[in-house]
C-alpha atoms as a PDB file:
ATOM      1  CA  MET A   1      92.074 101.437 119.971  1.00  0.00           C
ATOM      2  CA  PHE A   2      92.558  97.893 118.814  1.00  0.00           C
ATOM      3  CA  ALA A   3      90.757  95.677 116.420  1.00  0.00           C
ATOM      4  CA  ILE A   4      90.882  91.971 115.531  1.00  0.00           C
ATOM      5  CA  VAL A   5      90.727  91.506 111.754  1.00  0.00           C
ATOM      6  CA  ARG A   6      90.600  88.335 109.668  1.00  0.00           C
ATOM      7  CA  THR A   7      92.611  88.145 106.379  1.00  0.00           C
ATOM      8  CA  GLY A   8      94.015  85.086 104.642  1.00  0.00           C
ATOM      9  CA  GLY A   9      92.231  82.710 106.997  1.00  0.00           C
ATOM     10  CA  LYS A  10      94.095  83.966 110.081  1.00  0.00           C
ATOM     11  CA  GLN A  11      93.109  86.517 112.777  1.00  0.00           C
ATOM     12  CA  TYR A  12      95.262  89.410 113.863  1.00  0.00           C
ATOM     13  CA  ARG A  13      95.014  91.868 116.702  1.00  0.00           C
ATOM     14  CA  VAL A  14      96.066  95.263 115.307  1.00  0.00           C
ATOM     15  CA  ALA A  15      96.323  98.889 116.496  1.00  0.00           C
ATOM     16  CA  ALA A  16      97.475 102.056 114.787  1.00  0.00           C
ATOM     17  CA  GLY A  17     101.219 101.881 114.006  1.00  0.00           C
ATOM     18  CA  ASP A  18     101.549  98.082 114.083  1.00  0.00           C
ATOM     19  CA  LYS A  19     103.350  96.130 111.332  1.00  0.00           C
ATOM     20  CA  ILE A  20     102.091  92.701 110.448  1.00  0.00           C
ATOM     21  CA  ALA A  21     102.868  90.015 107.868  1.00  0.00           C
ATOM     22  CA  VAL A  22      99.769  88.455 106.243  1.00  0.00           C
ATOM     23  CA  GLU A  23      99.037  86.116 103.338  1.00  0.00           C
ATOM     24  CA  LYS A  24      99.727  87.727  99.961  1.00  0.00           C
ATOM     25  CA  LEU A  25      97.317  90.511  99.015  1.00  0.00           C
ATOM     26  CA  ALA A  26      97.042  92.306  95.633  1.00  0.00           C
ATOM     27  CA  GLY A  27      98.836  95.629  95.395  1.00  0.00           C
ATOM     28  CA  GLU A  28     102.146  97.394  95.121  1.00  0.00           C
ATOM     29  CA  ALA A  29     104.297  98.835  97.812  1.00  0.00           C
ATOM     30  CA  GLY A  30     102.901 102.169  99.012  1.00  0.00           C
ATOM     31  CA  ASP A  31      99.311 101.325  98.098  1.00  0.00           C
ATOM     32  CA  LYS A  32      96.571 101.903 100.807  1.00  0.00           C
ATOM     33  CA  ILE A  33      94.069  99.165 101.498  1.00  0.00           C
ATOM     34  CA  THR A  34      91.182  98.562 103.816  1.00  0.00           C
ATOM     35  CA  LEU A  35      91.070  95.363 105.774  1.00  0.00           C
ATOM     36  CA  GLY A  36      87.387  94.421 105.444  1.00  0.00           C
ATOM     37  CA  GLU A  37      86.450  91.733 107.990  1.00  0.00           C
ATOM     38  CA  VAL A  38      86.641  93.363 111.465  1.00  0.00           C
ATOM     39  CA  LEU A  39      85.561  90.727 114.191  1.00  0.00           C
ATOM     40  CA  LEU A  40      86.060  92.753 117.408  1.00  0.00           C
ATOM     41  CA  ALA A  41      87.143  96.305 118.334  1.00  0.00           C
ATOM     42  CA  GLY A  42      87.596  98.090 121.628  1.00  0.00           C
ATOM     43  CA  GLU A  43      89.647 100.335 123.809  1.00  0.00           C
ATOM     44  CA  GLY A  44      91.037  98.960 126.985  1.00  0.00           C
ATOM     45  CA  ASP A  45      88.311  96.958 128.720  1.00  0.00           C
ATOM     46  CA  SER A  46      85.366  98.430 126.759  1.00  0.00           C
ATOM     47  CA  LEU A  47      84.280  96.964 123.432  1.00  0.00           C
ATOM     48  CA  ALA A  48      82.944  98.827 120.412  1.00  0.00           C
ATOM     49  CA  ASP A  49      80.544  97.965 117.614  1.00  0.00           C
ATOM     50  CA  ALA A  50      82.782  96.153 115.075  1.00  0.00           C
ATOM     51  CA  ALA A  51      80.406  96.906 112.193  1.00  0.00           C
ATOM     52  CA  LYS A  52      81.244 100.663 112.359  1.00  0.00           C
ATOM     53  CA  ILE A  53      85.072 100.190 112.608  1.00  0.00           C
ATOM     54  CA  THR A  54      87.320 100.435 109.533  1.00  0.00           C
ATOM     55  CA  VAL A  55      90.931  99.339 109.490  1.00  0.00           C
ATOM     56  CA  SER A  56      93.198 101.016 106.916  1.00  0.00           C
ATOM     57  CA  ALA A  57      96.699  99.896 106.193  1.00  0.00           C
ATOM     58  CA  GLU A  58      99.534 100.671 103.848  1.00  0.00           C
ATOM     59  CA  ILE A  59     101.537  97.914 102.002  1.00  0.00           C
ATOM     60  CA  ILE A  60     105.159  98.093 102.886  1.00  0.00           C
ATOM     61  CA  ALA A  61     106.473  95.336 100.656  1.00  0.00           C
ATOM     62  CA  GLN A  62     105.573  92.057  98.966  1.00  0.00           C
ATOM     63  CA  ALA A  63     107.990  89.391 100.193  1.00  0.00           C
ATOM     64  CA  LYS A  64     108.500  85.670 100.811  1.00  0.00           C
ATOM     65  CA  SER A  65     108.500  84.086 104.171  1.00  0.00           C
ATOM     66  CA  GLU A  66     111.188  81.709 105.699  1.00  0.00           C
ATOM     67  CA  LYS A  67     111.851  78.531 103.802  1.00  0.00           C
ATOM     68  CA  VAL A  68     110.196  75.398 104.958  1.00  0.00           C
ATOM     69  CA  ILE A  69     111.875  72.047 104.050  1.00  0.00           C
ATOM     70  CA  VAL A  70     109.489  69.228 102.970  1.00  0.00           C
ATOM     71  CA  PHE A  71     111.215  65.838 103.469  1.00  0.00           C
ATOM     72  CA  LYS A  72     109.538  62.603 102.569  1.00  0.00           C
ATOM     73  CA  LYS A  73     110.888  59.198 103.287  1.00  0.00           C
ATOM     74  CA  ARG A  74     109.659  55.594 103.111  1.00  0.00           C
ATOM     75  CA  ARG A  75     111.509  53.163 105.190  1.00  0.00           C
ATOM     76  CA  ARG A  76     113.336  50.320 103.509  1.00  0.00           C
ATOM     77  CA  HIS A  77     112.334  51.400  99.990  1.00  0.00           C
ATOM     78  CA  ASN A  78     115.316  53.723  99.148  1.00  0.00           C
ATOM     79  CA  TYR A  79     112.773  56.613  98.733  1.00  0.00           C
ATOM     80  CA  ARG A  80     113.763  60.091  99.886  1.00  0.00           C
ATOM     81  CA  ARG A  81     112.545  63.439  98.465  1.00  0.00           C
ATOM     82  CA  ARG A  82     113.654  66.835  99.650  1.00  0.00           C
ATOM     83  CA  ASN A  83     111.735  69.989  98.646  1.00  0.00           C
ATOM     84  CA  GLY A  84     111.548  73.518  99.805  1.00  0.00           C
ATOM     85  CA  HIS A  85     108.735  76.047 100.023  1.00  0.00           C
ATOM     86  CA  ARG A  86     108.643  79.748 100.523  1.00  0.00           C
ATOM     87  CA  GLN A  87     105.116  81.302 101.069  1.00  0.00           C
ATOM     88  CA  GLN A  88     104.303  84.624  99.495  1.00  0.00           C
ATOM     89  CA  MET A  89     103.424  87.260 101.990  1.00  0.00           C
ATOM     90  CA  THR A  90     102.641  90.948 102.326  1.00  0.00           C
ATOM     91  CA  LEU A  91     103.997  93.263 104.926  1.00  0.00           C
ATOM     92  CA  LEU A  92     101.481  95.863 106.185  1.00  0.00           C
ATOM     93  CA  ARG A  93     101.666  98.947 108.325  1.00  0.00           C
ATOM     94  CA  ILE A  94      98.351  99.735 110.134  1.00  0.00           C
ATOM     95  CA  VAL A  95      97.636 103.331 109.449  1.00  0.00           C
ATOM     96  CA  SER A  96      94.400 103.750 111.489  1.00  0.00           C
ATOM     97  CA  VAL A  97      91.707 101.960 113.336  1.00  0.00           C
ATOM     98  CA  ALA A  98      88.585 104.119 113.386  1.00  0.00           C
END
């Protein structure tokens, strides 16, 4: 069985046993959480009622994503700024979709 859940403003297609990286969620490694907003659920070609489906996950780790370089430049004004950013993220293992 699969489900499409929304968390952190993004949508993910998940099934039991999947590992996903989402925007930072509160909790420590090893904590169990429930992903609340289930948009769609189904098995194969058939769809199920998403209101009755719960998706539970386990937090694997709190980590940072890859570094993104922010470079600003204005032509002919001797203006250059270089900055980096690493977004906080949470690694999840989907325990069950039921």
